[in-house]
Amino acid sequence: LQAGDTAVVNIINATTDDVIVAAVYTADDS
């Protein structure tokens, strides 16, 4: 990724698509 790009993992409700837990993981790149 380019510096400043964001890459995150969210857990979402399968029915409503609402985010249950935001950014359980944030990827980090050189």
Full PDB file with SEQRES, HELIX, SHEET, SSBOND, CRYST1, ORIGX, SCALE, CONECT and MASTER records, all heavy atoms in Angstrom:
SEQRES   1 A   30  LEU GLN ALA GLY ASP THR ALA VAL VAL ASN ILE ILE ASN          
SEQRES   2 A   30  ALA THR THR ASP ASP VAL ILE VAL ALA ALA VAL TYR THR          
SEQRES   3 A   30  ALA ASP ASP SER                                              
SHEET    1 AA1 2 VAL A   8  ILE A  12  0                                        
SHEET    2 AA1 2 VAL A  19  THR A  26 -1                                        
CRYST1    1.000    1.000    1.000  90.00  90.00  90.00 P 1           1          
ORIGX1      1.000000  0.000000  0.000000        0.00000                         
ORIGX2      0.000000  1.000000  0.000000        0.00000                         
ORIGX3      0.000000  0.000000  1.000000        0.00000                         
SCALE1      1.000000  0.000000  0.000000        0.00000                         
SCALE2      0.000000  1.000000  0.000000        0.00000                         
SCALE3      0.000000  0.000000  1.000000        0.00000                         
ATOM      1  N   LEU A   1       0.826  -1.204   0.000  1.00  0.00           N  
ATOM      2  CA  LEU A   1       0.000   0.000   0.000  1.00  0.00           C  
ATOM      3  C   LEU A   1       0.855   1.246   0.000  1.00  0.00           C  
ATOM      4  O   LEU A   1       2.000   1.228   0.432  1.00  0.00           O  
ATOM      5  CB  LEU A   1      -0.903   0.033   1.242  1.00  0.00           C  
ATOM      6  CG  LEU A   1      -1.818  -1.147   1.461  1.00  0.00           C  
ATOM      7  CD1 LEU A   1      -2.613  -0.947   2.747  1.00  0.00           C  
ATOM      8  CD2 LEU A   1      -2.749  -1.360   0.294  1.00  0.00           C  
ATOM      9  N   GLN A   2       0.272   2.328  -0.440  1.00  0.00           N  
ATOM     10  CA  GLN A   2       0.916   3.639  -0.379  1.00  0.00           C  
ATOM     11  C   GLN A   2       0.751   4.183   1.034  1.00  0.00           C  
ATOM     12  O   GLN A   2      -0.266   3.943   1.689  1.00  0.00           O  
ATOM     13  CB  GLN A   2       0.257   4.582  -1.377  1.00  0.00           C  
ATOM     14  CG  GLN A   2       0.873   5.960  -1.410  1.00  0.00           C  
ATOM     15  CD  GLN A   2       0.342   6.765  -2.583  1.00  0.00           C  
ATOM     16  OE1 GLN A   2       0.106   6.236  -3.653  1.00  0.00           O  
ATOM     17  NE2 GLN A   2       0.153   8.048  -2.358  1.00  0.00           N  
ATOM     18  N   ALA A   3       1.733   4.916   1.523  1.00  0.00           N  
ATOM     19  CA  ALA A   3       1.621   5.548   2.834  1.00  0.00           C  
ATOM     20  C   ALA A   3       0.333   6.371   2.868  1.00  0.00           C  
ATOM     21  O   ALA A   3       0.025   7.095   1.930  1.00  0.00           O  
ATOM     22  CB  ALA A   3       2.837   6.432   3.098  1.00  0.00           C  
ATOM     23  N   GLY A   4      -0.433   6.217   3.932  1.00  0.00           N  
ATOM     24  CA  GLY A   4      -1.697   6.935   4.057  1.00  0.00           C  
ATOM     25  C   GLY A   4      -2.915   6.128   3.656  1.00  0.00           C  
ATOM     26  O   GLY A   4      -4.042   6.489   3.986  1.00  0.00           O  
ATOM     27  N   ASP A   5      -2.727   5.017   2.922  1.00  0.00           N  
ATOM     28  CA  ASP A   5      -3.845   4.143   2.600  1.00  0.00           C  
ATOM     29  C   ASP A   5      -4.295   3.438   3.880  1.00  0.00           C  
ATOM     30  O   ASP A   5      -3.502   3.246   4.805  1.00  0.00           O  
ATOM     31  CB  ASP A   5      -3.444   3.084   1.572  1.00  0.00           C  
ATOM     32  CG  ASP A   5      -3.211   3.664   0.186  1.00  0.00           C  
ATOM     33  OD1 ASP A   5      -3.475   4.865  -0.016  1.00  0.00           O  
ATOM     34  OD2 ASP A   5      -2.766   2.906  -0.693  1.00  0.00           O  
ATOM     35  N   THR A   6      -5.551   3.031   3.943  1.00  0.00           N  
ATOM     36  CA  THR A   6      -6.038   2.314   5.110  1.00  0.00           C  
ATOM     37  C   THR A   6      -6.557   0.940   4.700  1.00  0.00           C  
ATOM     38  O   THR A   6      -7.167   0.781   3.641  1.00  0.00           O  
ATOM     39  CB  THR A   6      -7.159   3.082   5.841  1.00  0.00           C  
ATOM     40  OG1 THR A   6      -8.237   3.299   4.936  1.00  0.00           O  
ATOM     41  CG2 THR A   6      -6.665   4.405   6.379  1.00  0.00           C  
ATOM     42  N   ALA A   7      -6.299  -0.034   5.549  1.00  0.00           N  
ATOM     43  CA  ALA A   7      -6.753  -1.400   5.336  1.00  0.00           C  
ATOM     44  C   ALA A   7      -7.183  -1.938   6.694  1.00  0.00           C  
ATOM     45  O   ALA A   7      -6.354  -2.108   7.585  1.00  0.00           O  
ATOM     46  CB  ALA A   7      -5.631  -2.247   4.742  1.00  0.00           C  
ATOM     47  N   VAL A   8      -8.499  -2.147   6.864  1.00  0.00           N  
ATOM     48  CA  VAL A   8      -9.027  -2.569   8.156  1.00  0.00           C  
ATOM     49  C   VAL A   8      -9.971  -3.757   8.001  1.00  0.00           C  
ATOM     50  O   VAL A   8     -10.534  -3.980   6.940  1.00  0.00           O  
ATOM     51  CB  VAL A   8      -9.778  -1.424   8.886  1.00  0.00           C  
ATOM     52  CG1 VAL A   8      -8.869  -0.248   9.158  1.00  0.00           C  
ATOM     53  CG2 VAL A   8     -11.010  -0.995   8.123  1.00  0.00           C  
ATOM     54  N   VAL A   9     -10.124  -4.494   9.093  1.00  0.00           N  
ATOM     55  CA  VAL A   9     -11.063  -5.603   9.150  1.00  0.00           C  
ATOM     56  C   VAL A   9     -12.173  -5.235  10.130  1.00  0.00           C  
ATOM     57  O   VAL A   9     -11.905  -4.823  11.257  1.00  0.00           O  
ATOM     58  CB  VAL A   9     -10.369  -6.903   9.614  1.00  0.00           C  
ATOM     59  CG1 VAL A   9     -11.372  -8.040   9.728  1.00  0.00           C  
ATOM     60  CG2 VAL A   9      -9.241  -7.275   8.670  1.00  0.00           C  
ATOM     61  N   ASN A  10     -13.415  -5.371   9.667  1.00  0.00           N  
ATOM     62  CA  ASN A  10     -14.593  -5.128  10.496  1.00  0.00           C  
ATOM     63  C   ASN A  10     -15.384  -6.424  10.623  1.00  0.00           C  
ATOM     64  O   ASN A  10     -15.343  -7.279   9.741  1.00  0.00           O  
ATOM     65  CB  ASN A  10     -15.513  -4.081   9.855  1.00  0.00           C  
ATOM     66  CG  ASN A  10     -14.825  -2.761   9.642  1.00  0.00           C  
ATOM     67  OD1 ASN A  10     -14.189  -2.229  10.531  1.00  0.00           O  
ATOM     68  ND2 ASN A  10     -14.955  -2.215   8.448  1.00  0.00           N  
ATOM     69  N   ILE A  11     -16.149  -6.529  11.705  1.00  0.00           N  
ATOM     70  CA  ILE A  11     -17.116  -7.611  11.859  1.00  0.00           C  
ATOM     71  C   ILE A  11     -18.485  -6.961  11.688  1.00  0.00           C  
ATOM     72  O   ILE A  11     -18.809  -5.995  12.394  1.00  0.00           O  
ATOM     73  CB  ILE A  11     -17.021  -8.275  13.248  1.00  0.00           C  
ATOM     74  CG1 ILE A  11     -15.575  -8.657  13.584  1.00  0.00           C  
ATOM     75  CG2 ILE A  11     -17.964  -9.463  13.324  1.00  0.00           C  
ATOM     76  CD1 ILE A  11     -14.930  -9.616  12.632  1.00  0.00           C  
ATOM     77  N   ILE A  12     -19.278  -7.475  10.742  1.00  0.00           N  
ATOM     78  CA  ILE A  12     -20.572  -6.850  10.452  1.00  0.00           C  
ATOM     79  C   ILE A  12     -21.716  -7.837  10.637  1.00  0.00           C  
ATOM     80  O   ILE A  12     -21.532  -9.052  10.517  1.00  0.00           O  
ATOM     81  CB  ILE A  12     -20.607  -6.254   9.027  1.00  0.00           C  
ATOM     82  CG1 ILE A  12     -20.420  -7.332   7.962  1.00  0.00           C  
ATOM     83  CG2 ILE A  12     -19.559  -5.163   8.865  1.00  0.00           C  
ATOM     84  CD1 ILE A  12     -20.631  -6.826   6.544  1.00  0.00           C  
ATOM     85  N   ASN A  13     -22.899  -7.304  10.933  1.00  0.00           N  
ATOM     86  CA  ASN A  13     -24.113  -8.098  11.062  1.00  0.00           C  
ATOM     87  C   ASN A  13     -24.486  -8.627   9.677  1.00  0.00           C  
ATOM     88  O   ASN A  13     -24.569  -7.858   8.722  1.00  0.00           O  
ATOM     89  CB  ASN A  13     -25.231  -7.233  11.649  1.00  0.00           C  
ATOM     90  CG  ASN A  13     -26.512  -8.008  11.831  1.00  0.00           C  
ATOM     91  OD1 ASN A  13     -27.175  -8.360  10.860  1.00  0.00           O  
ATOM     92  ND2 ASN A  13     -26.858  -8.251  13.083  1.00  0.00           N  
ATOM     93  N   ALA A  14     -24.716  -9.926   9.573  1.00  0.00           N  
ATOM     94  CA  ALA A  14     -24.977 -10.551   8.271  1.00  0.00           C  
ATOM     95  C   ALA A  14     -26.309 -10.129   7.668  1.00  0.00           C  
ATOM     96  O   ALA A  14     -26.481 -10.178   6.456  1.00  0.00           O  
ATOM     97  CB  ALA A  14     -24.928 -12.065   8.397  1.00  0.00           C  
ATOM     98  N   THR A  15     -27.246  -9.699   8.487  1.00  0.00           N  
ATOM     99  CA  THR A  15     -28.569  -9.317   7.994  1.00  0.00           C  
ATOM    100  C   THR A  15     -28.653  -7.838   7.645  1.00  0.00           C  
ATOM    101  O   THR A  15     -29.144  -7.461   6.588  1.00  0.00           O  
ATOM    102  CB  THR A  15     -29.649  -9.654   9.045  1.00  0.00           C  
ATOM    103  OG1 THR A  15     -29.548 -11.041   9.367  1.00  0.00           O  
ATOM    104  CG2 THR A  15     -31.039  -9.351   8.521  1.00  0.00           C  
ATOM    105  N   THR A  16     -28.139  -6.988   8.544  1.00  0.00           N  
ATOM    106  CA  THR A  16     -28.316  -5.540   8.383  1.00  0.00           C  
ATOM    107  C   THR A  16     -27.093  -4.837   7.788  1.00  0.00           C  
ATOM    108  O   THR A  16     -27.178  -3.671   7.424  1.00  0.00           O  
ATOM    109  CB  THR A  16     -28.610  -4.886   9.740  1.00  0.00           C  
ATOM    110  OG1 THR A  16     -27.462  -5.045  10.593  1.00  0.00           O  
ATOM    111  CG2 THR A  16     -29.845  -5.496  10.393  1.00  0.00           C  
ATOM    112  N   ASP A  17     -25.956  -5.512   7.752  1.00  0.00           N  
ATOM    113  CA  ASP A  17     -24.679  -4.931   7.326  1.00  0.00           C  
ATOM    114  C   ASP A  17     -24.161  -3.864   8.284  1.00  0.00           C  
ATOM    115  O   ASP A  17     -23.219  -3.143   7.972  1.00  0.00           O  
ATOM    116  CB  ASP A  17     -24.741  -4.353   5.907  1.00  0.00           C  
ATOM    117  CG  ASP A  17     -24.830  -5.437   4.848  1.00  0.00           C  
ATOM    118  OD1 ASP A  17     -24.440  -6.587   5.140  1.00  0.00           O  
ATOM    119  OD2 ASP A  17     -25.273  -5.137   3.735  1.00  0.00           O  
ATOM    120  N   ASP A  18     -24.776  -3.753   9.474  1.00  0.00           N  
ATOM    121  CA  ASP A  18     -24.268  -2.822  10.487  1.00  0.00           C  
ATOM    122  C   ASP A  18     -22.945  -3.349  11.026  1.00  0.00           C  
ATOM    123  O   ASP A  18     -22.772  -4.563  11.210  1.00  0.00           O  
ATOM    124  CB  ASP A  18     -25.259  -2.678  11.654  1.00  0.00           C  
ATOM    125  CG  ASP A  18     -26.543  -1.977  11.246  1.00  0.00           C  
ATOM    126  OD1 ASP A  18     -26.513  -1.193  10.263  1.00  0.00           O  
ATOM    127  OD2 ASP A  18     -27.573  -2.203  11.904  1.00  0.00           O  
ATOM    128  N   VAL A  19     -22.025  -2.440  11.306  1.00  0.00           N  
ATOM    129  CA  VAL A  19     -20.738  -2.828  11.878  1.00  0.00           C  
ATOM    130  C   VAL A  19     -20.931  -3.170  13.354  1.00  0.00           C  
ATOM    131  O   VAL A  19     -21.429  -2.354  14.125  1.00  0.00           O  
ATOM    132  CB  VAL A  19     -19.694  -1.708  11.709  1.00  0.00           C  
ATOM    133  CG1 VAL A  19     -18.399  -2.073  12.414  1.00  0.00           C  
ATOM    134  CG2 VAL A  19     -19.446  -1.438  10.228  1.00  0.00           C  
ATOM    135  N   ILE A  20     -20.568  -4.389  13.725  1.00  0.00           N  
ATOM    136  CA  ILE A  20     -20.643  -4.830  15.115  1.00  0.00           C  
ATOM    137  C   ILE A  20     -19.375  -4.419  15.849  1.00  0.00           C  
ATOM    138  O   ILE A  20     -19.416  -3.868  16.943  1.00  0.00           O  
ATOM    139  CB  ILE A  20     -20.826  -6.359  15.209  1.00  0.00           C  
ATOM    140  CG1 ILE A  20     -22.139  -6.773  14.543  1.00  0.00           C  
ATOM    141  CG2 ILE A  20     -20.770  -6.834  16.652  1.00  0.00           C  
ATOM    142  CD1 ILE A  20     -22.274  -8.268  14.330  1.00  0.00           C  
ATOM    143  N   VAL A  21     -18.229  -4.712  15.237  1.00  0.00           N  
ATOM    144  CA  VAL A  21     -16.931  -4.337  15.796  1.00  0.00           C  
ATOM    145  C   VAL A  21     -16.105  -3.739  14.665  1.00  0.00           C  
ATOM    146  O   VAL A  21     -15.821  -4.400  13.676  1.00  0.00           O  
ATOM    147  CB  VAL A  21     -16.183  -5.550  16.394  1.00  0.00           C  
ATOM    148  CG1 VAL A  21     -14.913  -5.099  17.082  1.00  0.00           C  
ATOM    149  CG2 VAL A  21     -17.063  -6.334  17.362  1.00  0.00           C  
ATOM    150  N   ALA A  22     -15.744  -2.471  14.812  1.00  0.00           N  
ATOM    151  CA  ALA A  22     -14.973  -1.779  13.774  1.00  0.00           C  
ATOM    152  C   ALA A  22     -13.478  -1.959  14.013  1.00  0.00           C  
ATOM    153  O   ALA A  22     -13.018  -1.951  15.156  1.00  0.00           O  
ATOM    154  CB  ALA A  22     -15.317  -0.287  13.767  1.00  0.00           C  
ATOM    155  N   ALA A  23     -12.757  -2.125  12.933  1.00  0.00           N  
ATOM    156  CA  ALA A  23     -11.289  -2.173  12.946  1.00  0.00           C  
ATOM    157  C   ALA A  23     -10.734  -3.140  13.993  1.00  0.00           C  
ATOM    158  O   ALA A  23      -9.904  -2.776  14.803  1.00  0.00           O  
ATOM    159  CB  ALA A  23     -10.714  -0.775  13.127  1.00  0.00           C  
ATOM    160  N   VAL A  24     -11.191  -4.401  13.926  1.00  0.00           N  
ATOM    161  CA  VAL A  24     -10.607  -5.410  14.814  1.00  0.00           C  
ATOM    162  C   VAL A  24      -9.146  -5.654  14.434  1.00  0.00           C  
ATOM    163  O   VAL A  24      -8.375  -6.184  15.217  1.00  0.00           O  
ATOM    164  CB  VAL A  24     -11.385  -6.750  14.797  1.00  0.00           C  
ATOM    165  CG1 VAL A  24     -12.757  -6.588  15.398  1.00  0.00           C  
ATOM    166  CG2 VAL A  24     -11.432  -7.371  13.421  1.00  0.00           C  
ATOM    167  N   TYR A  25      -8.803  -5.248  13.218  1.00  0.00           N  
ATOM    168  CA  TYR A  25      -7.417  -5.350  12.743  1.00  0.00           C  
ATOM    169  C   TYR A  25      -7.178  -4.229  11.750  1.00  0.00           C  
ATOM    170  O   TYR A  25      -8.027  -3.938  10.911  1.00  0.00           O  
ATOM    171  CB  TYR A  25      -7.189  -6.706  12.057  1.00  0.00           C  
ATOM    172  CG  TYR A  25      -5.836  -6.848  11.414  1.00  0.00           C  
ATOM    173  CD1 TYR A  25      -4.699  -7.043  12.188  1.00  0.00           C  
ATOM    174  CD2 TYR A  25      -5.686  -6.773  10.033  1.00  0.00           C  
ATOM    175  CE1 TYR A  25      -3.444  -7.170  11.601  1.00  0.00           C  
ATOM    176  CE2 TYR A  25      -4.439  -6.906   9.435  1.00  0.00           C  
ATOM    177  CZ  TYR A  25      -3.323  -7.107  10.224  1.00  0.00           C  
ATOM    178  OH  TYR A  25      -2.086  -7.225   9.645  1.00  0.00           O  
ATOM    179  N   THR A  26      -6.037  -3.583  11.871  1.00  0.00           N  
ATOM    180  CA  THR A  26      -5.620  -2.561  10.914  1.00  0.00           C  
ATOM    181  C   THR A  26      -4.288  -2.993  10.331  1.00  0.00           C  
ATOM    182  O   THR A  26      -3.314  -3.182  11.061  1.00  0.00           O  
ATOM    183  CB  THR A  26      -5.471  -1.185  11.601  1.00  0.00           C  
ATOM    184  OG1 THR A  26      -6.726  -0.833  12.193  1.00  0.00           O  
ATOM    185  CG2 THR A  26      -5.066  -0.123  10.604  1.00  0.00           C  
ATOM    186  N   ALA A  27      -4.254  -3.182   9.017  1.00  0.00           N  
ATOM    187  CA  ALA A  27      -3.032  -3.628   8.354  1.00  0.00           C  
ATOM    188  C   ALA A  27      -2.011  -2.506   8.346  1.00  0.00           C  
ATOM    189  O   ALA A  27      -2.348  -1.332   8.242  1.00  0.00           O  
ATOM    190  CB  ALA A  27      -3.336  -4.072   6.926  1.00  0.00           C  
ATOM    191  N   ASP A  28      -0.760  -2.874   8.455  1.00  0.00           N  
ATOM    192  CA  ASP A  28       0.338  -1.915   8.466  1.00  0.00           C  
ATOM    193  C   ASP A  28       1.318  -2.305   7.371  1.00  0.00           C  
ATOM    194  O   ASP A  28       1.693  -3.463   7.246  1.00  0.00           O  
ATOM    195  CB  ASP A  28       1.021  -1.939   9.830  1.00  0.00           C  
ATOM    196  CG  ASP A  28       2.088  -0.875   9.962  1.00  0.00           C  
ATOM    197  OD1 ASP A  28       1.993   0.163   9.301  1.00  0.00           O  
ATOM    198  OD2 ASP A  28       3.033  -1.093  10.742  1.00  0.00           O  
ATOM    199  N   ASP A  29       1.719  -1.328   6.559  1.00  0.00           N  
ATOM    200  CA  ASP A  29       2.612  -1.605   5.432  1.00  0.00           C  
ATOM    201  C   ASP A  29       3.760  -0.617   5.440  1.00  0.00           C  
ATOM    202  O   ASP A  29       3.621   0.524   5.883  1.00  0.00           O  
ATOM    203  CB  ASP A  29       1.837  -1.516   4.121  1.00  0.00           C  
ATOM    204  CG  ASP A  29       2.663  -1.892   2.917  1.00  0.00           C  
ATOM    205  OD1 ASP A  29       3.490  -2.817   3.026  1.00  0.00           O  
ATOM    206  OD2 ASP A  29       2.498  -1.273   1.867  1.00  0.00           O  
ATOM    207  N   SER A  30       4.871  -1.032   4.884  1.00  0.00           N  
ATOM    208  CA  SER A  30       6.056  -0.181   4.819  1.00  0.00           C  
ATOM    209  C   SER A  30       5.896   0.958   3.819  1.00  0.00           C  
ATOM    210  O   SER A  30       6.616   1.939   3.874  1.00  0.00           O  
ATOM    211  CB  SER A  30       7.265  -1.022   4.415  1.00  0.00           C  
ATOM    212  OG  SER A  30       7.098  -1.501   3.093  1.00  0.00           O  
TER     213      SER A  30                                                      
MASTER        0    0    0    0    2    0    0    6  212    1    0    3          
END                                                                             
